[in-house]
Amino acid sequence: MNLVKVSDPTRNQNHKIEYKISGYDRQGFFENLKKRYSDFYKLDEALNLTFCGLYLPILPSKKAMKNKDDNFIEERRHDL
């Protein structure tokens, strides 16, 4: 069972891609959080520093060109 779901990639007012986050944690159900790839990247860096040696899934790589392509966005959403 997935505890966190990443869905509905949309462009915000600054034309940046945001992903809708929903799921369960110790406090219950949460939904409608909007996060950008950079937020996932910062979280990944912090977790790797804090839990050095613990296996964490690999984050999809950054991409400077064609990172607004619909196929790329969907692929990234799936990998997140």
N, C-alpha and C. Protein backbone atom coordinates (compact mmCIF):
# COMPACT_ATOMS: atom_id res chain seq x y z
N MET A 1 0.84 -1.19 0.00
CA MET A 1 0.00 0.00 0.00
C MET A 1 0.88 1.24 0.00
N ASN A 2 0.62 2.18 -0.91
CA ASN A 2 1.36 3.44 -0.94
C ASN A 2 0.91 4.33 0.21
N LEU A 3 1.87 4.92 0.90
CA LEU A 3 1.53 5.85 1.96
C LEU A 3 1.49 7.28 1.44
N VAL A 4 2.17 7.51 0.33
CA VAL A 4 2.20 8.85 -0.27
C VAL A 4 1.93 8.71 -1.76
N LYS A 5 1.11 9.62 -2.28
CA LYS A 5 0.78 9.61 -3.71
C LYS A 5 1.16 10.97 -4.30
N VAL A 6 1.86 10.93 -5.42
CA VAL A 6 2.23 12.15 -6.16
C VAL A 6 1.39 12.15 -7.43
N SER A 7 0.59 13.21 -7.62
CA SER A 7 -0.32 13.24 -8.76
C SER A 7 -0.49 14.66 -9.30
N ASP A 8 -1.26 14.77 -10.34
CA ASP A 8 -1.74 16.04 -10.87
C ASP A 8 -0.68 17.12 -11.07
N PRO A 9 0.33 16.87 -11.91
CA PRO A 9 1.31 17.93 -12.17
C PRO A 9 0.65 19.11 -12.88
N THR A 10 0.84 20.30 -12.36
CA THR A 10 0.26 21.51 -12.95
C THR A 10 1.30 22.63 -12.95
N ARG A 11 1.10 23.59 -13.84
CA ARG A 11 1.99 24.75 -13.89
C ARG A 11 1.42 25.84 -12.98
N ASN A 12 2.26 26.40 -12.12
CA ASN A 12 1.80 27.48 -11.24
C ASN A 12 1.88 28.82 -11.99
N GLN A 13 1.65 29.91 -11.29
CA GLN A 13 1.65 31.25 -11.92
C GLN A 13 3.00 31.62 -12.52
N ASN A 14 4.07 31.04 -11.99
CA ASN A 14 5.42 31.31 -12.50
C ASN A 14 5.85 30.29 -13.55
N HIS A 15 4.90 29.48 -14.02
CA HIS A 15 5.15 28.45 -15.04
C HIS A 15 6.06 27.34 -14.52
N LYS A 16 6.14 27.18 -13.21
CA LYS A 16 6.89 26.08 -12.61
C LYS A 16 5.92 24.92 -12.39
N ILE A 17 6.43 23.70 -12.49
CA ILE A 17 5.60 22.52 -12.32
C ILE A 17 5.47 22.19 -10.83
N GLU A 18 4.23 22.02 -10.38
CA GLU A 18 3.95 21.61 -9.01
C GLU A 18 3.20 20.27 -9.05
N TYR A 19 3.48 19.44 -8.05
CA TYR A 19 2.86 18.13 -7.95
C TYR A 19 1.98 18.09 -6.70
N LYS A 20 0.81 17.49 -6.82
CA LYS A 20 -0.10 17.34 -5.69
C LYS A 20 0.34 16.13 -4.88
N ILE A 21 0.46 16.30 -3.56
CA ILE A 21 0.89 15.24 -2.66
C ILE A 21 -0.25 14.91 -1.71
N SER A 22 -0.53 13.62 -1.54
CA SER A 22 -1.52 13.18 -0.56
C SER A 22 -1.04 11.86 0.03
N GLY A 23 -1.55 11.53 1.20
CA GLY A 23 -1.17 10.27 1.81
C GLY A 23 -1.52 10.19 3.29
N TYR A 24 -0.85 9.28 3.97
CA TYR A 24 -1.07 9.05 5.40
C TYR A 24 0.24 9.19 6.15
N ASP A 25 0.15 9.75 7.35
CA ASP A 25 1.28 9.74 8.27
C ASP A 25 0.73 9.46 9.67
N ARG A 26 1.54 9.63 10.70
CA ARG A 26 1.10 9.33 12.07
C ARG A 26 -0.07 10.20 12.53
N GLN A 27 -0.23 11.35 11.91
CA GLN A 27 -1.31 12.25 12.29
C GLN A 27 -2.58 12.05 11.47
N GLY A 28 -2.55 11.14 10.52
CA GLY A 28 -3.72 10.84 9.71
C GLY A 28 -3.52 11.19 8.24
N PHE A 29 -4.64 11.41 7.56
CA PHE A 29 -4.63 11.67 6.13
C PHE A 29 -4.29 13.13 5.84
N PHE A 30 -3.49 13.34 4.80
CA PHE A 30 -3.21 14.70 4.33
C PHE A 30 -3.37 14.73 2.82
N GLU A 31 -3.73 15.89 2.30
CA GLU A 31 -3.89 16.03 0.86
C GLU A 31 -3.75 17.48 0.45
N ASN A 32 -3.71 17.69 -0.86
CA ASN A 32 -3.65 19.03 -1.45
C ASN A 32 -2.38 19.80 -1.13
N LEU A 33 -1.31 19.10 -0.79
CA LEU A 33 -0.02 19.78 -0.69
C LEU A 33 0.52 19.95 -2.10
N LYS A 34 1.09 21.08 -2.38
CA LYS A 34 1.68 21.33 -3.70
C LYS A 34 3.18 21.51 -3.51
N LYS A 35 3.96 20.68 -4.18
CA LYS A 35 5.42 20.74 -4.06
C LYS A 35 6.06 20.69 -5.43
N ARG A 36 7.18 21.39 -5.57
CA ARG A 36 7.96 21.38 -6.80
C ARG A 36 9.06 20.34 -6.69
N TYR A 37 9.67 20.03 -7.84
CA TYR A 37 10.77 19.06 -7.85
C TYR A 37 11.87 19.50 -6.89
N SER A 38 12.15 20.80 -6.84
CA SER A 38 13.22 21.30 -5.96
C SER A 38 12.93 20.96 -4.50
N ASP A 39 11.67 20.90 -4.09
CA ASP A 39 11.32 20.51 -2.72
C ASP A 39 11.67 19.04 -2.47
N PHE A 40 11.39 18.18 -3.44
CA PHE A 40 11.77 16.77 -3.32
C PHE A 40 13.29 16.64 -3.25
N TYR A 41 13.99 17.43 -4.06
CA TYR A 41 15.45 17.39 -4.10
C TYR A 41 16.05 17.79 -2.74
N LYS A 42 15.53 18.86 -2.15
CA LYS A 42 16.01 19.32 -0.84
C LYS A 42 15.73 18.28 0.24
N LEU A 43 14.56 17.66 0.19
CA LEU A 43 14.23 16.62 1.15
C LEU A 43 15.17 15.43 0.99
N ASP A 44 15.45 15.04 -0.24
CA ASP A 44 16.36 13.93 -0.50
C ASP A 44 17.75 14.23 0.05
N GLU A 45 18.25 15.44 -0.16
CA GLU A 45 19.57 15.81 0.38
C GLU A 45 19.58 15.73 1.90
N ALA A 46 18.55 16.26 2.55
CA ALA A 46 18.47 16.25 4.01
C ALA A 46 18.39 14.82 4.55
N LEU A 47 17.58 13.98 3.92
CA LEU A 47 17.47 12.59 4.37
C LEU A 47 18.78 11.84 4.20
N ASN A 48 19.48 12.08 3.10
CA ASN A 48 20.76 11.40 2.88
C ASN A 48 21.81 11.83 3.89
N LEU A 49 21.79 13.10 4.30
CA LEU A 49 22.73 13.57 5.32
C LEU A 49 22.37 13.02 6.70
N THR A 50 21.09 13.00 7.01
CA THR A 50 20.63 12.56 8.32
C THR A 50 20.74 11.06 8.49
N PHE A 51 20.40 10.32 7.47
CA PHE A 51 20.37 8.86 7.55
C PHE A 51 21.41 8.25 6.62
N CYS A 52 22.64 8.69 6.76
CA CYS A 52 23.75 8.22 5.93
C CYS A 52 23.84 6.69 6.01
N GLY A 53 23.88 6.04 4.86
CA GLY A 53 23.98 4.59 4.80
C GLY A 53 22.65 3.88 4.68
N LEU A 54 21.55 4.57 4.94
CA LEU A 54 20.22 3.98 4.81
C LEU A 54 19.79 4.03 3.35
N TYR A 55 19.22 2.95 2.85
CA TYR A 55 18.77 2.94 1.46
C TYR A 55 17.58 3.87 1.29
N LEU A 56 17.68 4.77 0.34
CA LEU A 56 16.58 5.63 -0.06
C LEU A 56 16.40 5.49 -1.56
N PRO A 57 15.16 5.46 -2.06
CA PRO A 57 14.95 5.36 -3.50
C PRO A 57 15.65 6.52 -4.22
N ILE A 58 16.14 6.25 -5.40
CA ILE A 58 16.86 7.26 -6.18
C ILE A 58 15.86 8.26 -6.75
N LEU A 59 16.16 9.51 -6.55
CA LEU A 59 15.33 10.60 -7.07
C LEU A 59 15.58 10.74 -8.57
N PRO A 60 14.54 11.02 -9.37
CA PRO A 60 14.80 11.24 -10.80
C PRO A 60 15.75 12.42 -10.97
N SER A 61 16.60 12.34 -11.97
CA SER A 61 17.63 13.36 -12.15
C SER A 61 17.04 14.70 -12.60
N LYS A 62 17.85 15.74 -12.37
CA LYS A 62 17.47 17.07 -12.85
C LYS A 62 17.63 17.12 -14.36
N LYS A 63 16.90 18.02 -14.98
CA LYS A 63 16.98 18.18 -16.43
C LYS A 63 16.79 19.66 -16.74
N ALA A 64 17.75 20.26 -17.41
CA ALA A 64 17.69 21.70 -17.70
C ALA A 64 16.88 22.00 -18.96
N MET A 65 16.97 21.15 -19.95
CA MET A 65 16.28 21.39 -21.22
C MET A 65 15.08 20.45 -21.34
N LYS A 66 14.02 20.94 -21.94
CA LYS A 66 12.80 20.16 -22.20
C LYS A 66 12.19 19.59 -20.92
N ASN A 67 12.38 20.30 -19.80
CA ASN A 67 11.83 19.81 -18.55
C ASN A 67 10.36 20.19 -18.37
N LYS A 68 9.76 20.83 -19.37
CA LYS A 68 8.34 21.17 -19.34
C LYS A 68 7.53 20.28 -20.30
N ASP A 69 8.21 19.35 -20.94
CA ASP A 69 7.58 18.41 -21.86
C ASP A 69 6.61 17.51 -21.08
N ASP A 70 5.38 17.34 -21.60
CA ASP A 70 4.37 16.56 -20.90
C ASP A 70 4.81 15.13 -20.59
N ASN A 71 5.48 14.48 -21.52
CA ASN A 71 5.95 13.11 -21.28
C ASN A 71 6.99 13.07 -20.16
N PHE A 72 7.90 14.04 -20.17
CA PHE A 72 8.91 14.11 -19.13
C PHE A 72 8.26 14.36 -17.77
N ILE A 73 7.30 15.27 -17.71
CA ILE A 73 6.62 15.60 -16.46
C ILE A 73 5.90 14.38 -15.90
N GLU A 74 5.22 13.63 -16.75
CA GLU A 74 4.52 12.44 -16.28
C GLU A 74 5.51 11.37 -15.80
N GLU A 75 6.59 11.19 -16.52
CA GLU A 75 7.61 10.24 -16.12
C GLU A 75 8.22 10.61 -14.76
N ARG A 76 8.50 11.90 -14.58
CA ARG A 76 9.05 12.38 -13.32
C ARG A 76 8.03 12.18 -12.19
N ARG A 77 6.77 12.50 -12.44
CA ARG A 77 5.72 12.31 -11.42
C ARG A 77 5.69 10.85 -10.97
N HIS A 78 5.74 9.94 -11.91
CA HIS A 78 5.73 8.52 -11.59
C HIS A 78 6.94 8.14 -10.73
N ASP A 79 8.10 8.66 -11.08
CA ASP A 79 9.33 8.32 -10.36
C ASP A 79 9.40 8.95 -8.97
N LEU A 80 8.72 10.10 -8.80
CA LEU A 80 8.69 10.73 -7.48
C LEU A 80 7.83 9.91 -6.54
